[in-house]
Amino acid sequence: MERAFLLILAFFLAGCGGSPPRDSAVKPMMRSAPVAHGPISKACLQSNRETKSAKLCTCIQAAADQTLGRSDQRRAVAFYSNPHLAQQIRQSDRAVDEKFWKAYRAYGARAEKLCG
């Protein structure tokens, strides 16, 4: 799980997460290059990360579409411009932050399986 956290954290300049996958069969998506456009892929493509690519950014957006709601995706996008926010949310005792962080971690695990 730590590896998944670090993978997605790097793409968000600090973060990762989501809810359980909808399907039990996880197939690597990077080989089939999923087409997914949304707030996460847009932020990924606009980031200054050297490891970004259109293929990777659309793959992590596909993972987000499978595990995170739109409001959680918009919340996660903030990690690109404010990496410290991920740490604040992770350490928060607020129930809403704990729920989001649990979903975000699941998203990270999903993205690692699909895109890693």
PDB file of N, CA and C in Angstrom:
ATOM      1  N   MET A   1       0.826  -1.188   0.000  1.00  0.00           N
ATOM      2  CA  MET A   1       0.000   0.000   0.000  1.00  0.00           C
ATOM      3  C   MET A   1       0.876   1.260   0.000  1.00  0.00           C
ATOM      4  N   GLU A   2       2.015   1.179   0.683  1.00  0.00           N
ATOM      5  CA  GLU A   2       2.921   2.325   0.712  1.00  0.00           C
ATOM      6  C   GLU A   2       3.407   2.660  -0.693  1.00  0.00           C
ATOM      7  N   ARG A   3       3.695   1.621  -1.506  1.00  0.00           N
ATOM      8  CA  ARG A   3       4.151   1.847  -2.875  1.00  0.00           C
ATOM      9  C   ARG A   3       3.069   2.532  -3.697  1.00  0.00           C
ATOM     10  N   ALA A   4       1.821   2.095  -3.521  1.00  0.00           N
ATOM     11  CA  ALA A   4       0.705   2.718  -4.236  1.00  0.00           C
ATOM     12  C   ALA A   4       0.592   4.181  -3.829  1.00  0.00           C
ATOM     13  N   PHE A   5       0.709   4.441  -2.552  1.00  0.00           N
ATOM     14  CA  PHE A   5       0.628   5.814  -2.061  1.00  0.00           C
ATOM     15  C   PHE A   5       1.692   6.680  -2.714  1.00  0.00           C
ATOM     16  N   LEU A   6       2.911   6.178  -2.763  1.00  0.00           N
ATOM     17  CA  LEU A   6       4.008   6.959  -3.325  1.00  0.00           C
ATOM     18  C   LEU A   6       3.860   7.159  -4.826  1.00  0.00           C
ATOM     19  N   LEU A   7       3.332   6.152  -5.532  1.00  0.00           N
ATOM     20  CA  LEU A   7       3.148   6.270  -6.975  1.00  0.00           C
ATOM     21  C   LEU A   7       2.203   7.415  -7.310  1.00  0.00           C
ATOM     22  N   ILE A   8       1.027   7.387  -6.744  1.00  0.00           N
ATOM     23  CA  ILE A   8       0.046   8.418  -7.055  1.00  0.00           C
ATOM     24  C   ILE A   8       0.450   9.744  -6.419  1.00  0.00           C
ATOM     25  N   LEU A   9       1.059   9.681  -5.260  1.00  0.00           N
ATOM     26  CA  LEU A   9       1.540  10.887  -4.600  1.00  0.00           C
ATOM     27  C   LEU A   9       2.470  11.659  -5.531  1.00  0.00           C
ATOM     28  N   ALA A  10       3.302  10.954  -6.249  1.00  0.00           N
ATOM     29  CA  ALA A  10       4.228  11.616  -7.170  1.00  0.00           C
ATOM     30  C   ALA A  10       3.488  12.336  -8.283  1.00  0.00           C
ATOM     31  N   PHE A  11       2.405  11.754  -8.784  1.00  0.00           N
ATOM     32  CA  PHE A  11       1.661  12.378  -9.869  1.00  0.00           C
ATOM     33  C   PHE A  11       0.861  13.576  -9.397  1.00  0.00           C
ATOM     34  N   PHE A  12       0.551  13.611  -8.146  1.00  0.00           N
ATOM     35  CA  PHE A  12      -0.214  14.724  -7.594  1.00  0.00           C
ATOM     36  C   PHE A  12       0.696  15.688  -6.873  1.00  0.00           C
ATOM     37  N   LEU A  13       1.962  15.458  -7.023  1.00  0.00           N
ATOM     38  CA  LEU A  13       2.986  16.218  -6.309  1.00  0.00           C
ATOM     39  C   LEU A  13       2.813  16.037  -4.816  1.00  0.00           C
ATOM     40  N   ALA A  14       2.082  14.971  -4.404  1.00  0.00           N
ATOM     41  CA  ALA A  14       2.001  14.548  -3.011  1.00  0.00           C
ATOM     42  C   ALA A  14       0.881  13.607  -2.643  1.00  0.00           C
ATOM     43  N   GLY A  15       0.016  13.084  -3.465  1.00  0.00           N
ATOM     44  CA  GLY A  15      -1.116  12.332  -2.945  1.00  0.00           C
ATOM     45  C   GLY A  15      -1.567  11.047  -3.606  1.00  0.00           C
ATOM     46  N   CYS A  16      -2.678  10.394  -3.065  1.00  0.00           N
ATOM     47  CA  CYS A  16      -3.276   9.161  -3.578  1.00  0.00           C
ATOM     48  C   CYS A  16      -4.559   8.729  -2.864  1.00  0.00           C
ATOM     49  N   GLY A  17      -5.585   7.855  -3.397  1.00  0.00           N
ATOM     50  CA  GLY A  17      -6.780   7.316  -2.717  1.00  0.00           C
ATOM     51  C   GLY A  17      -7.974   6.918  -3.559  1.00  0.00           C
ATOM     52  N   GLY A  18      -9.130   6.391  -2.994  1.00  0.00           N
ATOM     53  CA  GLY A  18     -10.333   5.935  -3.697  1.00  0.00           C
ATOM     54  C   GLY A  18     -11.158   4.954  -2.910  1.00  0.00           C
ATOM     55  N   SER A  19     -12.292   4.496  -3.455  1.00  0.00           N
ATOM     56  CA  SER A  19     -13.115   3.476  -2.822  1.00  0.00           C
ATOM     57  C   SER A  19     -12.863   2.144  -3.512  1.00  0.00           C
ATOM     58  N   PRO A  20     -13.406   1.046  -2.980  1.00  0.00           N
ATOM     59  CA  PRO A  20     -13.099  -0.256  -3.561  1.00  0.00           C
ATOM     60  C   PRO A  20     -13.469  -0.336  -5.034  1.00  0.00           C
ATOM     61  N   PRO A  21     -12.707  -1.099  -5.811  1.00  0.00           N
ATOM     62  CA  PRO A  21     -13.005  -1.244  -7.231  1.00  0.00           C
ATOM     63  C   PRO A  21     -14.385  -1.855  -7.445  1.00  0.00           C
ATOM     64  N   ARG A  22     -15.043  -1.478  -8.522  1.00  0.00           N
ATOM     65  CA  ARG A  22     -16.369  -2.000  -8.821  1.00  0.00           C
ATOM     66  C   ARG A  22     -16.309  -3.427  -9.331  1.00  0.00           C
ATOM     67  N   ASP A  23     -15.241  -3.776 -10.020  1.00  0.00           N
ATOM     68  CA  ASP A  23     -15.136  -5.133 -10.544  1.00  0.00           C
ATOM     69  C   ASP A  23     -13.985  -5.852  -9.871  1.00  0.00           C
ATOM     70  N   SER A  24     -14.068  -7.166  -9.820  1.00  0.00           N
ATOM     71  CA  SER A  24     -13.028  -7.929  -9.137  1.00  0.00           C
ATOM     72  C   SER A  24     -11.848  -8.234 -10.045  1.00  0.00           C
ATOM     73  N   ALA A  25     -12.041  -8.216 -11.337  1.00  0.00           N
ATOM     74  CA  ALA A  25     -10.958  -8.502 -12.276  1.00  0.00           C
ATOM     75  C   ALA A  25     -10.253  -7.206 -12.645  1.00  0.00           C
ATOM     76  N   VAL A  26      -9.029  -7.088 -12.247  1.00  0.00           N
ATOM     77  CA  VAL A  26      -8.246  -5.898 -12.554  1.00  0.00           C
ATOM     78  C   VAL A  26      -7.301  -6.231 -13.688  1.00  0.00           C
ATOM     79  N   LYS A  27      -7.464  -5.557 -14.803  1.00  0.00           N
ATOM     80  CA  LYS A  27      -6.614  -5.770 -15.963  1.00  0.00           C
ATOM     81  C   LYS A  27      -5.714  -4.555 -16.135  1.00  0.00           C
ATOM     82  N   PRO A  28      -4.447  -4.775 -16.455  1.00  0.00           N
ATOM     83  CA  PRO A  28      -3.581  -3.619 -16.697  1.00  0.00           C
ATOM     84  C   PRO A  28      -4.131  -2.789 -17.855  1.00  0.00           C
ATOM     85  N   MET A  29      -4.331  -1.503 -17.624  1.00  0.00           N
ATOM     86  CA  MET A  29      -4.907  -0.644 -18.638  1.00  0.00           C
ATOM     87  C   MET A  29      -3.856   0.065 -19.473  1.00  0.00           C
ATOM     88  N   MET A  30      -2.654   0.174 -18.980  1.00  0.00           N
ATOM     89  CA  MET A  30      -1.640   0.906 -19.723  1.00  0.00           C
ATOM     90  C   MET A  30      -1.405   0.267 -21.096  1.00  0.00           C
ATOM     91  N   ARG A  31      -1.557  -1.035 -21.205  1.00  0.00           N
ATOM     92  CA  ARG A  31      -1.349  -1.707 -22.483  1.00  0.00           C
ATOM     93  C   ARG A  31      -2.424  -1.331 -23.487  1.00  0.00           C
ATOM     94  N   SER A  32      -3.649  -1.122 -22.989  1.00  0.00           N
ATOM     95  CA  SER A  32      -4.744  -0.802 -23.893  1.00  0.00           C
ATOM     96  C   SER A  32      -5.013   0.703 -23.975  1.00  0.00           C
ATOM     97  N   ALA A  33      -4.232   1.496 -23.287  1.00  0.00           N
ATOM     98  CA  ALA A  33      -4.321   2.956 -23.321  1.00  0.00           C
ATOM     99  C   ALA A  33      -5.754   3.468 -23.202  1.00  0.00           C
ATOM    100  N   PRO A  34      -6.320   3.445 -21.993  1.00  0.00           N
ATOM    101  CA  PRO A  34      -7.689   3.918 -21.820  1.00  0.00           C
ATOM    102  C   PRO A  34      -7.797   5.411 -22.136  1.00  0.00           C
ATOM    103  N   VAL A  35      -8.934   5.781 -22.604  1.00  0.00           N
ATOM    104  CA  VAL A  35      -9.185   7.186 -22.879  1.00  0.00           C
ATOM    105  C   VAL A  35     -10.107   7.692 -21.778  1.00  0.00           C
ATOM    106  N   ALA A  36      -9.565   8.489 -20.888  1.00  0.00           N
ATOM    107  CA  ALA A  36     -10.345   9.046 -19.796  1.00  0.00           C
ATOM    108  C   ALA A  36      -9.905  10.483 -19.584  1.00  0.00           C
ATOM    109  N   HIS A  37     -10.843  11.376 -19.672  1.00  0.00           N
ATOM    110  CA  HIS A  37     -10.542  12.789 -19.486  1.00  0.00           C
ATOM    111  C   HIS A  37     -11.346  13.304 -18.307  1.00  0.00           C
ATOM    112  N   GLY A  38     -10.710  14.065 -17.475  1.00  0.00           N
ATOM    113  CA  GLY A  38     -11.372  14.612 -16.302  1.00  0.00           C
ATOM    114  C   GLY A  38     -10.413  15.492 -15.533  1.00  0.00           C
ATOM    115  N   PRO A  39     -10.801  15.876 -14.332  1.00  0.00           N
ATOM    116  CA  PRO A  39      -9.987  16.820 -13.568  1.00  0.00           C
ATOM    117  C   PRO A  39      -8.606  16.286 -13.195  1.00  0.00           C
ATOM    118  N   ILE A  40      -8.492  15.001 -12.934  1.00  0.00           N
ATOM    119  CA  ILE A  40      -7.197  14.444 -12.549  1.00  0.00           C
ATOM    120  C   ILE A  40      -6.264  14.365 -13.749  1.00  0.00           C
ATOM    121  N   SER A  41      -6.761  13.893 -14.889  1.00  0.00           N
ATOM    122  CA  SER A  41      -5.884  13.828 -16.066  1.00  0.00           C
ATOM    123  C   SER A  41      -5.447  15.222 -16.497  1.00  0.00           C
ATOM    124  N   LYS A  42      -6.337  16.185 -16.389  1.00  0.00           N
ATOM    125  CA  LYS A  42      -5.994  17.560 -16.760  1.00  0.00           C
ATOM    126  C   LYS A  42      -4.888  18.104 -15.844  1.00  0.00           C
ATOM    127  N   ALA A  43      -5.050  17.914 -14.533  1.00  0.00           N
ATOM    128  CA  ALA A  43      -4.033  18.383 -13.589  1.00  0.00           C
ATOM    129  C   ALA A  43      -2.715  17.643 -13.794  1.00  0.00           C
ATOM    130  N   CYS A  44      -2.791  16.358 -14.068  1.00  0.00           N
ATOM    131  CA  CYS A  44      -1.592  15.559 -14.323  1.00  0.00           C
ATOM    132  C   CYS A  44      -0.840  16.102 -15.534  1.00  0.00           C
ATOM    133  N   LEU A  45      -1.556  16.346 -16.622  1.00  0.00           N
ATOM    134  CA  LEU A  45      -0.920  16.841 -17.844  1.00  0.00           C
ATOM    135  C   LEU A  45      -0.334  18.238 -17.674  1.00  0.00           C
ATOM    136  N   GLN A  46      -0.937  19.040 -16.806  1.00  0.00           N
ATOM    137  CA  GLN A  46      -0.457  20.404 -16.588  1.00  0.00           C
ATOM    138  C   GLN A  46       0.650  20.478 -15.538  1.00  0.00           C
ATOM    139  N   SER A  47       0.910  19.360 -14.859  1.00  0.00           N
ATOM    140  CA  SER A  47       1.929  19.365 -13.812  1.00  0.00           C
ATOM    141  C   SER A  47       3.323  19.454 -14.421  1.00  0.00           C
ATOM    142  N   ASN A  48       4.284  19.751 -13.575  1.00  0.00           N
ATOM    143  CA  ASN A  48       5.668  19.852 -14.045  1.00  0.00           C
ATOM    144  C   ASN A  48       6.450  18.570 -13.766  1.00  0.00           C
ATOM    145  N   ARG A  49       5.756  17.458 -13.543  1.00  0.00           N
ATOM    146  CA  ARG A  49       6.411  16.181 -13.272  1.00  0.00           C
ATOM    147  C   ARG A  49       7.061  15.641 -14.540  1.00  0.00           C
ATOM    148  N   GLU A  50       8.291  15.203 -14.440  1.00  0.00           N
ATOM    149  CA  GLU A  50       9.006  14.662 -15.589  1.00  0.00           C
ATOM    150  C   GLU A  50       8.417  13.331 -16.049  1.00  0.00           C
ATOM    151  N   THR A  51       7.820  12.572 -15.140  1.00  0.00           N
ATOM    152  CA  THR A  51       7.313  11.243 -15.458  1.00  0.00           C
ATOM    153  C   THR A  51       5.921  11.249 -16.080  1.00  0.00           C
ATOM    154  N   LYS A  52       5.323  12.416 -16.257  1.00  0.00           N
ATOM    155  CA  LYS A  52       3.970  12.470 -16.802  1.00  0.00           C
ATOM    156  C   LYS A  52       3.979  12.120 -18.285  1.00  0.00           C
ATOM    157  N   SER A  53       2.862  11.576 -18.721  1.00  0.00           N
ATOM    158  CA  SER A  53       2.642  11.314 -20.140  1.00  0.00           C
ATOM    159  C   SER A  53       1.136  11.275 -20.337  1.00  0.00           C
ATOM    160  N   ALA A  54       0.690  11.502 -21.549  1.00  0.00           N
ATOM    161  CA  ALA A  54      -0.747  11.453 -21.823  1.00  0.00           C
ATOM    162  C   ALA A  54      -1.287  10.069 -21.492  1.00  0.00           C
ATOM    163  N   LYS A  55      -0.536   9.043 -21.805  1.00  0.00           N
ATOM    164  CA  LYS A  55      -0.958   7.667 -21.544  1.00  0.00           C
ATOM    165  C   LYS A  55      -1.128   7.437 -20.040  1.00  0.00           C
ATOM    166  N   LEU A  56      -0.165   7.867 -19.257  1.00  0.00           N
ATOM    167  CA  LEU A  56      -0.235   7.684 -17.809  1.00  0.00           C
ATOM    168  C   LEU A  56      -1.348   8.528 -17.208  1.00  0.00           C
ATOM    169  N   CYS A  57      -1.448   9.777 -17.621  1.00  0.00           N
ATOM    170  CA  CYS A  57      -2.462  10.673 -17.055  1.00  0.00           C
ATOM    171  C   CYS A  57      -3.877  10.189 -17.350  1.00  0.00           C
ATOM    172  N   THR A  58      -4.115   9.673 -18.558  1.00  0.00           N
ATOM    173  CA  THR A  58      -5.449   9.152 -18.855  1.00  0.00           C
ATOM    174  C   THR A  58      -5.702   7.853 -18.103  1.00  0.00           C
ATOM    175  N   CYS A  59      -4.677   7.079 -17.842  1.00  0.00           N
ATOM    176  CA  CYS A  59      -4.840   5.842 -17.080  1.00  0.00           C
ATOM    177  C   CYS A  59      -5.212   6.147 -15.624  1.00  0.00           C
ATOM    178  N   ILE A  60      -4.512   7.112 -15.006  1.00  0.00           N
ATOM    179  CA  ILE A  60      -4.861   7.410 -13.617  1.00  0.00           C
ATOM    180  C   ILE A  60      -6.234   8.078 -13.531  1.00  0.00           C
ATOM    181  N   GLN A  61      -6.641   8.780 -14.581  1.00  0.00           N
ATOM    182  CA  GLN A  61      -8.010   9.320 -14.609  1.00  0.00           C
ATOM    183  C   GLN A  61      -9.014   8.176 -14.707  1.00  0.00           C
ATOM    184  N   ALA A  62      -8.708   7.153 -15.501  1.00  0.00           N
ATOM    185  CA  ALA A  62      -9.597   5.995 -15.601  1.00  0.00           C
ATOM    186  C   ALA A  62      -9.742   5.323 -14.239  1.00  0.00           C
ATOM    187  N   ALA A  63      -8.649   5.200 -13.498  1.00  0.00           N
ATOM    188  CA  ALA A  63      -8.707   4.624 -12.149  1.00  0.00           C
ATOM    189  C   ALA A  63      -9.557   5.504 -11.235  1.00  0.00           C
ATOM    190  N   ALA A  64      -9.416   6.813 -11.371  1.00  0.00           N
ATOM    191  CA  ALA A  64     -10.217   7.735 -10.565  1.00  0.00           C
ATOM    192  C   ALA A  64     -11.701   7.603 -10.902  1.00  0.00           C
ATOM    193  N   ASP A  65     -12.012   7.477 -12.192  1.00  0.00           N
ATOM    194  CA  ASP A  65     -13.407   7.324 -12.603  1.00  0.00           C
ATOM    195  C   ASP A  65     -14.022   6.058 -12.036  1.00  0.00           C
ATOM    196  N   GLN A  66     -13.203   5.034 -11.832  1.00  0.00           N
ATOM    197  CA  GLN A  66     -13.689   3.766 -11.304  1.00  0.00           C
ATOM    198  C   GLN A  66     -13.826   3.769  -9.791  1.00  0.00           C
ATOM    199  N   THR A  67     -13.139   4.690  -9.108  1.00  0.00           N
ATOM    200  CA  THR A  67     -13.096   4.601  -7.645  1.00  0.00           C
ATOM    201  C   THR A  67     -13.512   5.864  -6.894  1.00  0.00           C
ATOM    202  N   LEU A  68     -13.385   7.022  -7.507  1.00  0.00           N
ATOM    203  CA  LEU A  68     -13.682   8.277  -6.814  1.00  0.00           C
ATOM    204  C   LEU A  68     -14.857   8.993  -7.463  1.00  0.00           C
ATOM    205  N   GLY A  69     -15.672   9.614  -6.646  1.00  0.00           N
ATOM    206  CA  GLY A  69     -16.719  10.480  -7.172  1.00  0.00           C
ATOM    207  C   GLY A  69     -16.106  11.777  -7.683  1.00  0.00           C
ATOM    208  N   ARG A  70     -16.892  12.545  -8.398  1.00  0.00           N
ATOM    209  CA  ARG A  70     -16.382  13.808  -8.977  1.00  0.00           C
ATOM    210  C   ARG A  70     -15.893  14.778  -7.911  1.00  0.00           C
ATOM    211  N   SER A  71     -16.600  14.888  -6.807  1.00  0.00           N
ATOM    212  CA  SER A  71     -16.173  15.840  -5.773  1.00  0.00           C
ATOM    213  C   SER A  71     -14.849  15.398  -5.149  1.00  0.00           C
ATOM    214  N   ASP A  72     -14.658  14.089  -4.954  1.00  0.00           N
ATOM    215  CA  ASP A  72     -13.379  13.607  -4.429  1.00  0.00           C
ATOM    216  C   ASP A  72     -12.259  13.803  -5.444  1.00  0.00           C
ATOM    217  N   GLN A  73     -12.578  13.660  -6.724  1.00  0.00           N
ATOM    218  CA  GLN A  73     -11.562  13.922  -7.756  1.00  0.00           C
ATOM    219  C   GLN A  73     -11.135  15.382  -7.720  1.00  0.00           C
ATOM    220  N   ARG A  74     -12.094  16.283  -7.615  1.00  0.00           N
ATOM    221  CA  ARG A  74     -11.747  17.713  -7.547  1.00  0.00           C
ATOM    222  C   ARG A  74     -10.926  18.016  -6.299  1.00  0.00           C
ATOM    223  N   ARG A  75     -11.247  17.355  -5.207  1.00  0.00           N
ATOM    224  CA  ARG A  75     -10.494  17.560  -3.972  1.00  0.00           C
ATOM    225  C   ARG A  75      -9.053  17.058  -4.142  1.00  0.00           C
ATOM    226  N   ALA A  76      -8.887  15.925  -4.795  1.00  0.00           N
ATOM    227  CA  ALA A  76      -7.554  15.353  -5.004  1.00  0.00           C
ATOM    228  C   ALA A  76      -6.701  16.213  -5.929  1.00  0.00           C
ATOM    229  N   VAL A  77      -7.322  16.895  -6.877  1.00  0.00           N
ATOM    230  CA  VAL A  77      -6.588  17.761  -7.800  1.00  0.00           C
ATOM    231  C   VAL A  77      -5.816  18.835  -7.043  1.00  0.00           C
ATOM    232  N   ALA A  78      -6.326  19.251  -5.910  1.00  0.00           N
ATOM    233  CA  ALA A  78      -5.660  20.293  -5.119  1.00  0.00           C
ATOM    234  C   ALA A  78      -4.263  19.860  -4.674  1.00  0.00           C
ATOM    235  N   PHE A  79      -4.005  18.554  -4.628  1.00  0.00           N
ATOM    236  CA  PHE A  79      -2.688  18.070  -4.213  1.00  0.00           C
ATOM    237  C   PHE A  79      -1.599  18.456  -5.208  1.00  0.00           C
ATOM    238  N   TYR A  80      -1.972  18.665  -6.463  1.00  0.00           N
ATOM    239  CA  TYR A  80      -0.981  19.071  -7.465  1.00  0.00           C
ATOM    240  C   TYR A  80      -0.375  20.431  -7.120  1.00  0.00           C
ATOM    241  N   SER A  81      -1.200  21.363  -6.702  1.00  0.00           N
ATOM    242  CA  SER A  81      -0.697  22.700  -6.402  1.00  0.00           C
ATOM    243  C   SER A  81      -0.312  22.869  -4.932  1.00  0.00           C
ATOM    244  N   ASN A  82      -0.786  21.971  -4.077  1.00  0.00           N
ATOM    245  CA  ASN A  82      -0.497  22.073  -2.646  1.00  0.00           C
ATOM    246  C   ASN A  82      -0.239  20.682  -2.073  1.00  0.00           C
ATOM    247  N   PRO A  83       0.955  20.122  -2.298  1.00  0.00           N
ATOM    248  CA  PRO A  83       1.257  18.776  -1.821  1.00  0.00           C
ATOM    249  C   PRO A  83       1.083  18.604  -0.313  1.00  0.00           C
ATOM    250  N   HIS A  84       1.336  19.649   0.434  1.00  0.00           N
ATOM    251  CA  HIS A  84       1.210  19.567   1.892  1.00  0.00           C
ATOM    252  C   HIS A  84      -0.234  19.307   2.319  1.00  0.00           C
ATOM    253  N   LEU A  85      -1.179  19.694   1.496  1.00  0.00           N
ATOM    254  CA  LEU A  85      -2.592  19.456   1.801  1.00  0.00           C
ATOM    255  C   LEU A  85      -2.880  17.971   1.974  1.00  0.00           C
ATOM    256  N   ALA A  86      -2.238  17.120   1.185  1.00  0.00           N
ATOM    257  CA  ALA A  86      -2.429  15.671   1.318  1.00  0.00           C
ATOM    258  C   ALA A  86      -2.035  15.208   2.712  1.00  0.00           C
ATOM    259  N   GLN A  87      -0.920  15.699   3.206  1.00  0.00           N
ATOM    260  CA  GLN A  87      -0.462  15.338   4.555  1.00  0.00           C
ATOM    261  C   GLN A  87      -1.438  15.850   5.610  1.00  0.00           C
ATOM    262  N   GLN A  88      -1.940  17.050   5.434  1.00  0.00           N
ATOM    263  CA  GLN A  88      -2.897  17.597   6.401  1.00  0.00           C
ATOM    264  C   GLN A  88      -4.171  16.769   6.456  1.00  0.00           C
ATOM    265  N   ILE A  89      -4.665  16.382   5.301  1.00  0.00           N
ATOM    266  CA  ILE A  89      -5.889  15.574   5.253  1.00  0.00           C
ATOM    267  C   ILE A  89      -5.625  14.195   5.845  1.00  0.00           C
ATOM    268  N   ARG A  90      -4.494  13.614   5.509  1.00  0.00           N
ATOM    269  CA  ARG A  90      -4.150  12.285   6.029  1.00  0.00           C
ATOM    270  C   ARG A  90      -4.093  12.278   7.554  1.00  0.00           C
ATOM    271  N   GLN A  91      -3.601  13.341   8.145  1.00  0.00           N
ATOM    272  CA  GLN A  91      -3.453  13.412   9.594  1.00  0.00           C
ATOM    273  C   GLN A  91      -4.677  13.973  10.312  1.00  0.00           C
ATOM    274  N   SER A  92      -5.650  14.446   9.581  1.00  0.00           N
ATOM    275  CA  SER A  92      -6.837  15.057  10.176  1.00  0.00           C
ATOM    276  C   SER A  92      -7.667  14.043  10.961  1.00  0.00           C
ATOM    277  N   ASP A  93      -8.315  14.517  12.015  1.00  0.00           N
ATOM    278  CA  ASP A  93      -9.219  13.686  12.807  1.00  0.00           C
ATOM    279  C   ASP A  93     -10.676  13.880  12.398  1.00  0.00           C
ATOM    280  N   ARG A  94     -10.919  14.751  11.433  1.00  0.00           N
ATOM    281  CA  ARG A  94     -12.296  14.992  10.980  1.00  0.00           C
ATOM    282  C   ARG A  94     -12.814  13.768  10.231  1.00  0.00           C
ATOM    283  N   ALA A  95     -14.034  13.372  10.499  1.00  0.00           N
ATOM    284  CA  ALA A  95     -14.620  12.188   9.863  1.00  0.00           C
ATOM    285  C   ALA A  95     -14.647  12.324   8.339  1.00  0.00           C
ATOM    286  N   VAL A  96     -14.968  13.499   7.843  1.00  0.00           N
ATOM    287  CA  VAL A  96     -15.032  13.710   6.392  1.00  0.00           C
ATOM    288  C   VAL A  96     -13.658  13.535   5.751  1.00  0.00           C
ATOM    289  N   ASP A  97     -12.611  13.981   6.430  1.00  0.00           N
ATOM    290  CA  ASP A  97     -11.248  13.818   5.911  1.00  0.00           C
ATOM    291  C   ASP A  97     -10.816  12.351   5.969  1.00  0.00           C
ATOM    292  N   GLU A  98     -11.186  11.666   7.044  1.00  0.00           N
ATOM    293  CA  GLU A  98     -10.848  10.245   7.161  1.00  0.00           C
ATOM    294  C   GLU A  98     -11.535   9.431   6.079  1.00  0.00           C
ATOM    295  N   LYS A  99     -12.780   9.745   5.781  1.00  0.00           N
ATOM    296  CA  LYS A  99     -13.520   9.047   4.725  1.00  0.00           C
ATOM    297  C   LYS A  99     -12.865   9.306   3.361  1.00  0.00           C
ATOM    298  N   PHE A 100     -12.530  10.566   3.104  1.00  0.00           N
ATOM    299  CA  PHE A 100     -11.869  10.905   1.842  1.00  0.00           C
ATOM    300  C   PHE A 100     -10.532  10.186   1.725  1.00  0.00           C
ATOM    301  N   TRP A 101      -9.735  10.199   2.787  1.00  0.00           N
ATOM    302  CA  TRP A 101      -8.409   9.606   2.726  1.00  0.00           C
ATOM    303  C   TRP A 101      -8.486   8.102   2.482  1.00  0.00           C
ATOM    304  N   LYS A 102      -9.448   7.451   3.073  1.00  0.00           N
ATOM    305  CA  LYS A 102      -9.641   6.018   2.851  1.00  0.00           C
ATOM    306  C   LYS A 102      -9.959   5.760   1.377  1.00  0.00           C
ATOM    307  N   ALA A 103     -10.835   6.577   0.808  1.00  0.00           N
ATOM    308  CA  ALA A 103     -11.186   6.454  -0.606  1.00  0.00           C
ATOM    309  C   ALA A 103      -9.974   6.766  -1.489  1.00  0.00           C
ATOM    310  N   TYR A 104      -9.217   7.765  -1.100  1.00  0.00           N
ATOM    311  CA  TYR A 104      -8.049   8.169  -1.869  1.00  0.00           C
ATOM    312  C   TYR A 104      -6.979   7.075  -1.888  1.00  0.00           C
ATOM    313  N   ARG A 105      -6.767   6.414  -0.756  1.00  0.00           N
ATOM    314  CA  ARG A 105      -5.800   5.308  -0.690  1.00  0.00           C
ATOM    315  C   ARG A 105      -6.241   4.161  -1.580  1.00  0.00           C
ATOM    316  N   ALA A 106      -7.523   3.851  -1.577  1.00  0.00           N
ATOM    317  CA  ALA A 106      -8.040   2.783  -2.439  1.00  0.00           C
ATOM    318  C   ALA A 106      -7.849   3.161  -3.914  1.00  0.00           C
ATOM    319  N   TYR A 107      -8.050   4.427  -4.222  1.00  0.00           N
ATOM    320  CA  TYR A 107      -7.801   4.920  -5.589  1.00  0.00           C
ATOM    321  C   TYR A 107      -6.339   4.710  -5.965  1.00  0.00           C
ATOM    322  N   GLY A 108      -5.435   5.017  -5.069  1.00  0.00           N
ATOM    323  CA  GLY A 108      -4.011   4.830  -5.329  1.00  0.00           C
ATOM    324  C   GLY A 108      -3.672   3.376  -5.616  1.00  0.00           C
ATOM    325  N   ALA A 109      -4.264   2.478  -4.862  1.00  0.00           N
ATOM    326  CA  ALA A 109      -4.026   1.041  -5.075  1.00  0.00           C
ATOM    327  C   ALA A 109      -4.575   0.624  -6.440  1.00  0.00           C
ATOM    328  N   ARG A 110      -5.739   1.132  -6.792  1.00  0.00           N
ATOM    329  CA  ARG A 110      -6.351   0.816  -8.081  1.00  0.00           C
ATOM    330  C   ARG A 110      -5.477   1.348  -9.221  1.00  0.00           C
ATOM    331  N   ALA A 111      -5.036   2.578  -9.103  1.00  0.00           N
ATOM    332  CA  ALA A 111      -4.196   3.174 -10.142  1.00  0.00           C
ATOM    333  C   ALA A 111      -2.885   2.420 -10.304  1.00  0.00           C
ATOM    334  N   GLU A 112      -2.323   1.965  -9.211  1.00  0.00           N
ATOM    335  CA  GLU A 112      -1.076   1.207  -9.304  1.00  0.00           C
ATOM    336  C   GLU A 112      -1.296  -0.093 -10.078  1.00  0.00           C
ATOM    337  N   LYS A 113      -2.409  -0.767  -9.816  1.00  0.00           N
ATOM    338  CA  LYS A 113      -2.705  -2.017 -10.528  1.00  0.00           C
ATOM    339  C   LYS A 113      -2.960  -1.770 -12.019  1.00  0.00           C
ATOM    340  N   LEU A 114      -3.661  -0.701 -12.311  1.00  0.00           N
ATOM    341  CA  LEU A 114      -4.021  -0.422 -13.696  1.00  0.00           C
ATOM    342  C   LEU A 114      -2.891   0.217 -14.495  1.00  0.00           C
ATOM    343  N   CYS A 115      -2.118   1.055 -13.859  1.00  0.00           N
ATOM    344  CA  CYS A 115      -1.175   1.908 -14.587  1.00  0.00           C
ATOM    345  C   CYS A 115       0.292   1.633 -14.272  1.00  0.00           C
ATOM    346  N   GLY A 116       0.548   0.963 -13.180  1.00  0.00           N
ATOM    347  CA  GLY A 116       1.920   0.782 -12.702  1.00  0.00           C
ATOM    348  C   GLY A 116       2.780  -0.151 -13.458  1.00  0.00           C
TER     349      GLY A 116
END
